[in-house]
């Protein structure tokens, strides 16, 4: 059963927005799919970074600097990045 979109009315006036009625169960499925897609994107990003030799080398250098105490105050970083 295909229904044509209806035009939304607010206080008796046409809003110009098409409205398509959707069952709540379908909205729940769409929400679950969106959550699953977001999790997939995060996992894919983690995988791609784990395979990126240049990224891994930068992370190793940063870790070494951190362990050696070569750190900078957060306020200094914020100032450098023009944050706050």
N, C-alpha and C. Protein backbone atom coordinates (compact mmCIF):
# COMPACT_ATOMS: atom_id res chain seq x y z
N UNK A 1 0.83 -1.16 0.00
CA UNK A 1 0.00 0.00 0.00
C UNK A 1 0.89 1.24 0.00
N UNK A 2 1.01 1.90 -1.11
CA UNK A 2 1.81 3.11 -1.22
C UNK A 2 0.91 4.33 -1.06
N UNK A 3 1.24 5.12 -0.06
CA UNK A 3 0.49 6.36 0.17
C UNK A 3 1.36 7.52 -0.24
N UNK A 4 0.74 8.49 -0.86
CA UNK A 4 1.47 9.70 -1.25
C UNK A 4 1.75 10.52 0.01
N UNK A 5 2.88 11.21 0.04
CA UNK A 5 3.17 12.06 1.19
C UNK A 5 2.08 13.11 1.37
N UNK A 6 1.80 13.42 2.62
CA UNK A 6 0.84 14.48 2.90
C UNK A 6 1.61 15.72 3.30
N UNK A 7 1.00 16.85 3.11
CA UNK A 7 1.64 18.11 3.47
C UNK A 7 1.27 18.44 4.90
N UNK A 8 2.28 18.75 5.69
CA UNK A 8 2.08 19.06 7.09
C UNK A 8 1.34 20.38 7.25
N UNK A 9 0.45 20.41 8.25
CA UNK A 9 -0.28 21.64 8.55
C UNK A 9 0.01 22.01 10.00
N UNK A 10 0.18 23.27 10.22
CA UNK A 10 0.38 23.76 11.58
C UNK A 10 -0.59 24.91 11.79
N UNK A 11 -1.44 24.76 12.79
CA UNK A 11 -2.47 25.77 13.08
C UNK A 11 -3.29 26.11 11.84
N UNK A 12 -3.57 25.05 11.05
CA UNK A 12 -4.42 25.23 9.88
C UNK A 12 -3.72 25.78 8.66
N UNK A 13 -2.40 26.05 8.75
CA UNK A 13 -1.67 26.60 7.61
C UNK A 13 -0.73 25.55 7.04
N UNK A 14 -0.59 25.56 5.73
CA UNK A 14 0.34 24.66 5.06
C UNK A 14 1.76 25.06 5.42
N UNK A 15 2.61 24.07 5.75
CA UNK A 15 4.00 24.38 6.09
C UNK A 15 4.93 24.16 4.91
N UNK A 16 4.45 23.46 3.88
CA UNK A 16 5.30 23.17 2.73
C UNK A 16 6.23 21.99 2.97
N UNK A 17 6.06 21.31 4.08
CA UNK A 17 6.90 20.15 4.41
C UNK A 17 6.10 18.89 4.14
N UNK A 18 6.68 18.00 3.32
CA UNK A 18 6.02 16.72 3.06
C UNK A 18 6.24 15.79 4.25
N UNK A 19 5.20 15.09 4.64
CA UNK A 19 5.26 14.17 5.76
C UNK A 19 4.87 12.79 5.27
N UNK A 20 5.69 11.79 5.62
CA UNK A 20 5.40 10.42 5.26
C UNK A 20 5.21 9.64 6.55
N UNK A 21 4.05 9.06 6.77
CA UNK A 21 3.84 8.28 8.00
C UNK A 21 4.72 7.03 7.99
N UNK A 22 5.41 6.78 9.12
CA UNK A 22 6.31 5.64 9.24
C UNK A 22 5.98 4.92 10.53
N UNK A 23 5.84 3.60 10.47
CA UNK A 23 5.55 2.84 11.70
C UNK A 23 6.70 2.97 12.71
N UNK A 24 6.36 3.00 14.00
CA UNK A 24 7.34 3.13 15.06
C UNK A 24 8.35 1.99 15.00
N UNK A 25 7.89 0.78 14.68
CA UNK A 25 8.80 -0.37 14.61
C UNK A 25 9.88 -0.14 13.55
N UNK A 26 9.54 0.51 12.46
CA UNK A 26 10.52 0.81 11.42
C UNK A 26 11.50 1.87 11.90
N UNK A 27 11.02 2.85 12.65
CA UNK A 27 11.91 3.87 13.21
C UNK A 27 12.92 3.23 14.16
N UNK A 28 12.46 2.25 14.95
CA UNK A 28 13.38 1.55 15.86
C UNK A 28 14.45 0.80 15.08
N UNK A 29 14.05 0.14 14.00
CA UNK A 29 15.02 -0.58 13.17
C UNK A 29 16.02 0.38 12.53
N UNK A 30 15.53 1.54 12.09
CA UNK A 30 16.43 2.53 11.49
C UNK A 30 17.43 3.03 12.52
N UNK A 31 16.99 3.22 13.75
CA UNK A 31 17.87 3.66 14.82
C UNK A 31 18.93 2.60 15.11
N UNK A 32 18.53 1.34 15.15
CA UNK A 32 19.47 0.25 15.39
C UNK A 32 20.50 0.17 14.26
N UNK A 33 20.03 0.36 13.03
CA UNK A 33 20.95 0.32 11.88
C UNK A 33 21.94 1.48 11.95
N UNK A 34 21.48 2.65 12.35
CA UNK A 34 22.37 3.81 12.47
C UNK A 34 23.44 3.55 13.52
N UNK A 35 23.04 2.96 14.66
CA UNK A 35 24.00 2.62 15.71
C UNK A 35 25.01 1.60 15.21
N UNK A 36 24.54 0.59 14.48
CA UNK A 36 25.44 -0.44 13.95
C UNK A 36 26.40 0.16 12.93
N UNK A 37 25.92 1.07 12.10
CA UNK A 37 26.78 1.69 11.10
C UNK A 37 27.85 2.55 11.77
N UNK A 38 27.46 3.26 12.83
CA UNK A 38 28.44 4.08 13.56
C UNK A 38 29.52 3.19 14.17
N UNK A 39 29.12 2.07 14.76
CA UNK A 39 30.09 1.13 15.33
C UNK A 39 31.00 0.58 14.24
N UNK A 40 30.43 0.28 13.07
CA UNK A 40 31.23 -0.21 11.94
C UNK A 40 32.26 0.83 11.52
N UNK A 41 31.83 2.10 11.42
CA UNK A 41 32.76 3.16 11.02
C UNK A 41 33.92 3.28 12.00
N UNK A 42 33.63 3.20 13.30
CA UNK A 42 34.68 3.30 14.31
C UNK A 42 35.64 2.13 14.20
N UNK A 43 35.10 0.94 14.01
CA UNK A 43 35.95 -0.25 13.90
C UNK A 43 36.82 -0.18 12.64
N UNK A 44 36.23 0.29 11.55
CA UNK A 44 36.99 0.43 10.30
C UNK A 44 38.11 1.44 10.47
N UNK A 45 37.81 2.56 11.12
CA UNK A 45 38.84 3.58 11.36
C UNK A 45 39.98 3.01 12.20
N UNK A 46 39.63 2.27 13.26
CA UNK A 46 40.66 1.65 14.10
C UNK A 46 41.52 0.70 13.28
N UNK A 47 40.88 -0.10 12.44
CA UNK A 47 41.63 -1.05 11.62
C UNK A 47 42.57 -0.31 10.65
N UNK A 48 42.04 0.70 9.97
CA UNK A 48 42.87 1.42 9.00
C UNK A 48 44.06 2.10 9.67
N UNK A 49 43.84 2.69 10.85
CA UNK A 49 44.95 3.30 11.57
C UNK A 49 45.97 2.27 12.02
N UNK A 50 45.50 1.10 12.41
CA UNK A 50 46.42 0.05 12.87
C UNK A 50 47.28 -0.49 11.73
N UNK A 51 46.86 -0.25 10.51
CA UNK A 51 47.63 -0.71 9.34
C UNK A 51 48.46 0.41 8.71
N UNK A 52 48.38 1.61 9.27
CA UNK A 52 49.07 2.78 8.71
C UNK A 52 50.43 2.93 9.39
N UNK A 53 51.51 2.56 8.70
CA UNK A 53 52.85 2.57 9.28
C UNK A 53 53.27 3.96 9.75
N UNK A 54 52.94 5.00 9.00
CA UNK A 54 53.32 6.36 9.38
C UNK A 54 52.60 6.78 10.67
N UNK A 55 51.33 6.46 10.77
CA UNK A 55 50.57 6.79 11.98
C UNK A 55 51.15 6.05 13.19
N UNK A 56 51.44 4.76 13.02
CA UNK A 56 51.99 3.98 14.13
C UNK A 56 53.34 4.53 14.57
N UNK A 57 54.17 4.95 13.63
CA UNK A 57 55.47 5.52 13.97
C UNK A 57 55.29 6.81 14.77
N UNK A 58 54.36 7.67 14.36
CA UNK A 58 54.10 8.91 15.10
C UNK A 58 53.60 8.61 16.51
N UNK A 59 52.75 7.61 16.65
CA UNK A 59 52.23 7.24 17.97
C UNK A 59 53.35 6.69 18.86
N UNK A 60 54.25 5.90 18.29
CA UNK A 60 55.38 5.37 19.06
C UNK A 60 56.29 6.50 19.54
N UNK A 61 56.56 7.46 18.65
CA UNK A 61 57.39 8.61 19.04
C UNK A 61 56.72 9.41 20.15
N UNK A 62 55.43 9.63 20.01
CA UNK A 62 54.69 10.38 21.03
C UNK A 62 54.72 9.64 22.36
N UNK A 63 54.56 8.34 22.33
CA UNK A 63 54.59 7.53 23.56
C UNK A 63 55.97 7.60 24.21
N UNK A 64 57.01 7.53 23.40
CA UNK A 64 58.38 7.63 23.92
C UNK A 64 58.60 8.98 24.58
N UNK A 65 58.20 10.05 23.92
CA UNK A 65 58.33 11.39 24.49
C UNK A 65 57.58 11.50 25.81
N UNK A 66 56.39 10.94 25.86
CA UNK A 66 55.59 10.98 27.07
C UNK A 66 56.27 10.23 28.21
N UNK A 67 56.77 9.04 27.93
CA UNK A 67 57.43 8.25 28.96
C UNK A 67 58.71 8.92 29.46
N UNK A 68 59.35 9.69 28.60
CA UNK A 68 60.57 10.40 28.98
C UNK A 68 60.27 11.73 29.66
N UNK A 69 58.99 12.02 29.86
CA UNK A 69 58.60 13.24 30.55
C UNK A 69 58.57 14.47 29.67
N UNK A 70 58.69 14.29 28.39
CA UNK A 70 58.66 15.42 27.46
C UNK A 70 57.21 15.76 27.15
N UNK A 71 56.59 16.44 28.09
CA UNK A 71 55.19 16.82 27.92
C UNK A 71 55.06 18.34 28.02
N UNK A 72 53.91 18.83 27.64
CA UNK A 72 53.62 20.26 27.70
C UNK A 72 52.29 20.45 28.42
N UNK A 73 52.14 21.54 29.15
CA UNK A 73 50.87 21.81 29.84
C UNK A 73 49.71 21.93 28.85
N UNK A 74 48.54 21.52 29.30
CA UNK A 74 47.35 21.59 28.45
C UNK A 74 47.06 23.02 28.02
N UNK A 75 47.24 23.97 28.91
CA UNK A 75 46.98 25.37 28.57
C UNK A 75 47.86 25.83 27.41
N UNK A 76 49.11 25.35 27.38
CA UNK A 76 50.02 25.71 26.29
C UNK A 76 49.51 25.15 24.96
N UNK A 77 49.03 23.92 24.98
CA UNK A 77 48.49 23.30 23.77
C UNK A 77 47.24 24.04 23.30
N UNK A 78 46.35 24.37 24.23
CA UNK A 78 45.14 25.11 23.87
C UNK A 78 45.49 26.45 23.23
N UNK A 79 46.48 27.13 23.81
CA UNK A 79 46.91 28.43 23.25
C UNK A 79 47.47 28.24 21.84
N UNK A 80 48.28 27.21 21.66
CA UNK A 80 48.89 26.94 20.34
C UNK A 80 47.81 26.64 19.30
N UNK A 81 46.76 25.91 19.71
CA UNK A 81 45.69 25.52 18.79
C UNK A 81 44.55 26.54 18.74
N UNK A 82 44.73 27.65 19.45
CA UNK A 82 43.71 28.70 19.51
C UNK A 82 42.37 28.17 20.03
N UNK A 83 42.46 27.39 21.09
CA UNK A 83 41.25 26.86 21.74
C UNK A 83 41.09 27.58 23.06
N UNK A 84 39.95 28.18 23.28
CA UNK A 84 39.59 28.93 24.49
C UNK A 84 40.44 30.14 24.66
